[in-house]
């Protein structure tokens, strides 16, 4: 029995939903303090990196297949690309968490000393942002791109739009414009 393109895409999306959900479940906020917290966060970073690597491999394989020439295949590729973007942002946020943990360790000279507020905030916000990124990646493979665009607060919005600024048509950063 041969699978249709729609059945194949449905099965692959279900697999990605499961993998993203499992990866998100491993993101447990770390306590701030002590060097033993680095290992769990680094494990989380590796899990998100592995997820991103799998998405890249699937994108490459699918883009080179006849599936990419079909409507359902193009939609599948768009969903994978969106999930990849969000999972890469999650990895970036986890890197920020590692930096916050390193700062907390470096700036806390003695075990009885309180961890600096900035380091705790970096860890907490970075971890929450990583989890939101994986949730958005899950949304990307769960919802169709058209449905995502019509959802208020959708993650399908361009990054520049998320920060309330319009993207510069020239692509140049405003601070770097030349007269």
Protein backbone atom coordinates (compact mmCIF):
# COMPACT_ATOMS: atom_id res chain seq x y z
CA UNK A 1 0.00 0.00 0.00
CA UNK A 2 1.44 3.32 -1.01
CA UNK A 3 1.01 6.52 0.95
CA UNK A 4 -0.36 9.61 -0.74
CA UNK A 5 1.52 12.85 -0.32
CA UNK A 6 -1.09 14.05 2.16
CA UNK A 7 -0.77 10.87 4.24
CA UNK A 8 3.01 11.11 4.18
CA UNK A 9 2.97 14.76 5.27
CA UNK A 10 0.39 14.04 7.98
CA UNK A 11 2.56 11.22 9.36
CA UNK A 12 5.73 13.35 9.26
CA UNK A 13 4.00 16.29 10.97
CA UNK A 14 2.72 13.96 13.68
CA UNK A 15 6.29 12.76 14.18
CA UNK A 16 7.57 16.34 14.46
CA UNK A 17 4.76 17.23 16.87
CA UNK A 18 5.80 14.34 19.09
CA UNK A 19 9.51 15.19 18.91
CA UNK A 20 8.97 18.89 19.65
CA UNK A 21 6.60 18.08 22.51
CA UNK A 22 9.13 15.63 24.00
CA UNK A 23 11.93 18.19 23.69
CA UNK A 24 9.80 20.90 25.31
CA UNK A 25 8.99 18.52 28.17
CA UNK A 26 12.71 18.28 28.97
CA UNK A 27 13.02 22.05 29.46
CA UNK A 28 12.82 22.25 33.22
CA UNK A 29 13.83 25.63 34.65
CA UNK A 30 17.20 25.32 36.39
CA UNK A 31 17.81 26.59 39.89
CA UNK A 32 20.34 29.41 39.89
CA UNK A 33 23.42 28.63 41.93
CA UNK A 34 26.21 26.11 41.93
CA UNK A 35 28.02 24.62 38.98
CA UNK A 36 25.88 21.46 38.97
CA UNK A 37 23.11 23.37 37.15
CA UNK A 38 25.19 23.67 33.99
CA UNK A 39 24.81 20.02 32.99
CA UNK A 40 20.97 19.95 32.83
CA UNK A 41 20.87 23.19 30.84
CA UNK A 42 23.58 21.97 28.49
CA UNK A 43 21.61 18.74 28.04
CA UNK A 44 18.55 20.84 27.20
CA UNK A 45 20.60 22.85 24.71
CA UNK A 46 21.84 19.65 23.07
CA UNK A 47 18.25 18.32 22.86
CA UNK A 48 17.08 21.52 21.12
CA UNK A 49 20.13 21.44 18.83
CA UNK A 50 19.35 17.82 17.92
CA UNK A 51 15.76 18.80 17.17
CA UNK A 52 16.97 21.62 14.92
CA UNK A 53 19.42 19.28 13.19
CA UNK A 54 16.61 16.83 12.50
CA UNK A 55 14.44 19.59 11.07
CA UNK A 56 17.29 20.67 8.80
CA UNK A 57 17.84 17.10 7.61
CA UNK A 58 14.13 16.64 6.89
CA UNK A 59 13.97 20.00 5.09
CA UNK A 60 16.93 19.08 2.89
CA UNK A 61 15.56 15.64 2.09
CA UNK A 62 12.04 16.91 1.41
CA UNK A 63 13.22 19.88 -0.66
CA UNK A 64 15.10 17.50 -2.96
CA UNK A 65 12.16 15.13 -3.34
CA UNK A 66 9.24 15.20 -5.77
CA UNK A 67 7.06 16.11 -2.78
CA UNK A 68 8.45 19.67 -2.93
CA UNK A 69 6.75 20.19 -6.29
CA UNK A 70 3.27 19.64 -4.83
CA UNK A 71 1.11 22.09 -2.90
CA UNK A 72 1.03 19.89 0.18
CA UNK A 73 4.81 19.50 -0.05
CA UNK A 74 5.41 23.24 -0.23
CA UNK A 75 3.14 23.74 2.79
CA UNK A 76 5.06 21.02 4.62
CA UNK A 77 8.36 22.71 3.84
CA UNK A 78 6.98 26.04 5.07
CA UNK A 79 5.89 24.42 8.33
CA UNK A 80 9.29 22.79 8.84
CA UNK A 81 11.07 26.05 8.10
CA UNK A 82 8.93 27.90 10.66
CA UNK A 83 9.54 25.18 13.24
CA UNK A 84 13.27 25.36 12.52
CA UNK A 85 13.30 29.13 13.01
CA UNK A 86 11.56 28.81 16.36
CA UNK A 87 13.72 25.93 17.56
CA UNK A 88 16.86 27.86 16.63
CA UNK A 89 15.59 30.81 18.66
CA UNK A 90 14.95 28.42 21.56
CA UNK A 91 18.57 27.27 21.32
CA UNK A 92 19.72 30.89 21.35
CA UNK A 93 17.69 31.54 24.49
CA UNK A 94 19.15 28.46 26.17
CA UNK A 95 22.61 29.78 25.32
CA UNK A 96 21.60 32.96 27.14
CA UNK A 97 20.59 30.82 30.12
CA UNK A 98 24.05 29.23 30.15
CA UNK A 99 25.59 32.71 30.08
CA UNK A 100 23.36 33.78 32.98
CA UNK A 101 24.37 30.70 34.96
CA UNK A 102 28.03 31.41 34.25
CA UNK A 103 27.59 35.01 35.39
CA UNK A 104 25.83 33.85 38.55
CA UNK A 105 28.65 31.46 39.27
CA UNK A 106 31.33 34.03 38.52
CA UNK A 107 29.68 36.89 40.44
CA UNK A 108 28.78 34.84 43.51
CA UNK A 109 32.11 34.59 45.31
CA UNK A 110 30.97 32.47 48.24
CA UNK A 111 28.28 29.80 48.60
CA UNK A 112 26.42 31.84 51.24
CA UNK A 113 26.32 34.93 49.02
CA UNK A 114 23.10 35.72 47.19
CA UNK A 115 23.05 35.24 43.43
CA UNK A 116 22.95 38.57 41.57
CA UNK A 117 19.45 39.54 40.50
CA UNK A 118 20.53 40.17 36.90
CA UNK A 119 21.89 36.64 36.56
CA UNK A 120 18.73 35.11 38.05
CA UNK A 121 16.60 37.22 35.73
CA UNK A 122 18.66 36.23 32.69
CA UNK A 123 18.25 32.55 33.54
CA UNK A 124 14.52 32.82 34.23
CA UNK A 125 13.68 34.93 31.18
CA UNK A 126 15.97 32.99 28.87
CA UNK A 127 14.48 29.68 29.90
CA UNK A 128 10.91 30.96 29.55
CA UNK A 129 11.73 32.34 26.10
CA UNK A 130 13.24 28.99 25.05
CA UNK A 131 10.09 27.19 26.12
CA UNK A 132 7.93 29.71 24.22
CA UNK A 133 10.11 29.13 21.15
CA UNK A 134 9.48 25.39 21.29
CA UNK A 135 5.76 25.96 21.77
CA UNK A 136 5.79 28.15 18.66
CA UNK A 137 7.69 25.43 16.79
CA UNK A 138 4.97 22.99 17.84
CA UNK A 139 2.31 25.41 16.62
CA UNK A 140 4.14 25.69 13.31
CA UNK A 141 3.89 21.95 12.64
CA UNK A 142 0.40 21.66 14.14
CA UNK A 143 -1.42 24.54 12.44
CA UNK A 144 -1.51 25.26 8.74
CA UNK A 145 0.41 28.38 7.68
CA UNK A 146 -2.84 30.08 6.62
CA UNK A 147 -4.40 29.42 10.04
CA UNK A 148 -1.27 30.66 11.81
CA UNK A 149 -1.32 33.93 9.87
CA UNK A 150 -4.91 34.59 10.91
CA UNK A 151 -4.35 33.82 14.59
CA UNK A 152 -3.94 36.89 16.85
CA UNK A 153 -0.45 37.02 18.35
CA UNK A 154 0.66 34.45 15.81
CA UNK A 155 4.28 33.46 15.58
CA UNK A 156 3.99 33.64 11.78
CA UNK A 157 4.50 37.39 12.03
CA UNK A 158 7.90 38.58 10.81
CA UNK A 159 10.48 39.15 13.51
CA UNK A 160 10.64 42.88 12.83
CA UNK A 161 6.88 43.10 13.27
CA UNK A 162 7.08 41.34 16.63
CA UNK A 163 9.14 44.20 17.98
CA UNK A 164 6.79 46.85 16.69
CA UNK A 165 9.14 48.16 14.00
CA UNK A 166 8.72 47.98 10.28
CA UNK A 167 11.48 46.25 8.42
CA UNK A 168 13.71 48.58 6.45
CA UNK A 169 13.25 47.92 2.75
CA UNK A 170 16.97 48.32 2.11
CA UNK A 171 17.80 45.72 4.73
CA UNK A 172 20.23 48.10 6.43
CA UNK A 173 20.12 48.60 10.17
CA UNK A 174 18.98 52.20 10.95
CA UNK A 175 22.10 52.91 13.00
CA UNK A 176 24.30 51.89 10.09
CA UNK A 177 22.72 53.90 7.30
CA UNK A 178 25.08 55.95 5.30
CA UNK A 179 24.20 59.42 4.01
